[in-house]
Structure formats: structure tokens, C-alpha cells
């Protein structure tokens, strides 16, 4: 069984800029958002 990677990133506010920054940090820690998309998919 493959182990899942988990990232927890603090976000001190629900303001768009803070949430976007926290999400980017989380994806970066996991190796980047590109590793999650499949051919033909669009990540918004």
C-alpha cells in the first residue's frame, strides 16, 4: 500500500490573498500542482 503525503499549512485569514498563498505553499511542498493534473485536465 502506498503512503499518502499530507501537508498542513497555516493560513491566518480567509482573505483571498492569504488563502491563495497558503495553497501555493502546500502544493509546492508536495512537489507542485503539475504532478496532480492528468492529460486533458484543467486545474483552476
Protein backbone atom coordinates (compact mmCIF):
# COMPACT_ATOMS: atom_id res chain seq x y z
CA UNK A 1 0.00 0.00 0.00
CA UNK A 2 1.35 3.42 -0.97
CA UNK A 3 1.66 6.00 1.79
CA UNK A 4 -0.18 9.29 1.28
CA UNK A 5 1.64 12.59 1.56
CA UNK A 6 -0.03 15.17 3.76
CA UNK A 7 0.81 18.84 4.15
CA UNK A 8 -0.64 21.21 6.72
CA UNK A 9 -0.10 24.91 6.09
CA UNK A 10 -1.26 27.67 8.42
CA UNK A 11 -3.49 30.34 6.93
CA UNK A 12 -4.12 33.26 9.25
CA UNK A 13 -7.03 34.74 7.28
CA UNK A 14 -9.75 33.81 4.82
CA UNK A 15 -8.80 36.76 2.61
CA UNK A 16 -8.22 35.59 -0.94
CA UNK A 17 -4.55 36.56 -1.00
CA UNK A 18 -3.77 34.62 2.19
CA UNK A 19 -5.67 31.51 1.08
CA UNK A 20 -4.06 31.55 -2.37
CA UNK A 21 -0.60 31.89 -0.82
CA UNK A 22 -1.22 29.03 1.65
CA UNK A 23 -2.49 26.75 -1.12
CA UNK A 24 0.55 27.53 -3.27
CA UNK A 25 2.89 26.76 -0.35
CA UNK A 26 1.09 23.47 0.25
CA UNK A 27 1.28 22.38 -3.39
CA UNK A 28 4.92 23.43 -3.57
CA UNK A 29 5.71 21.26 -0.55
CA UNK A 30 4.08 18.32 -2.33
CA UNK A 31 6.17 18.84 -5.48
CA UNK A 32 3.99 21.30 -7.39
CA UNK A 33 0.44 21.29 -8.69
CA UNK A 34 1.51 19.89 -12.09
CA UNK A 35 2.03 16.43 -10.63
CA UNK A 36 -1.71 16.20 -9.88
CA UNK A 37 -3.10 17.02 -13.32
CA UNK A 38 -3.72 14.42 -15.99
CA UNK A 39 -3.62 14.94 -19.75
CA UNK A 40 -6.66 16.91 -20.86
CA UNK A 41 -7.47 18.25 -17.39
CA UNK A 42 -7.52 21.92 -16.50
CA UNK A 43 -6.60 23.00 -12.98
CA UNK A 44 -8.36 26.20 -11.93
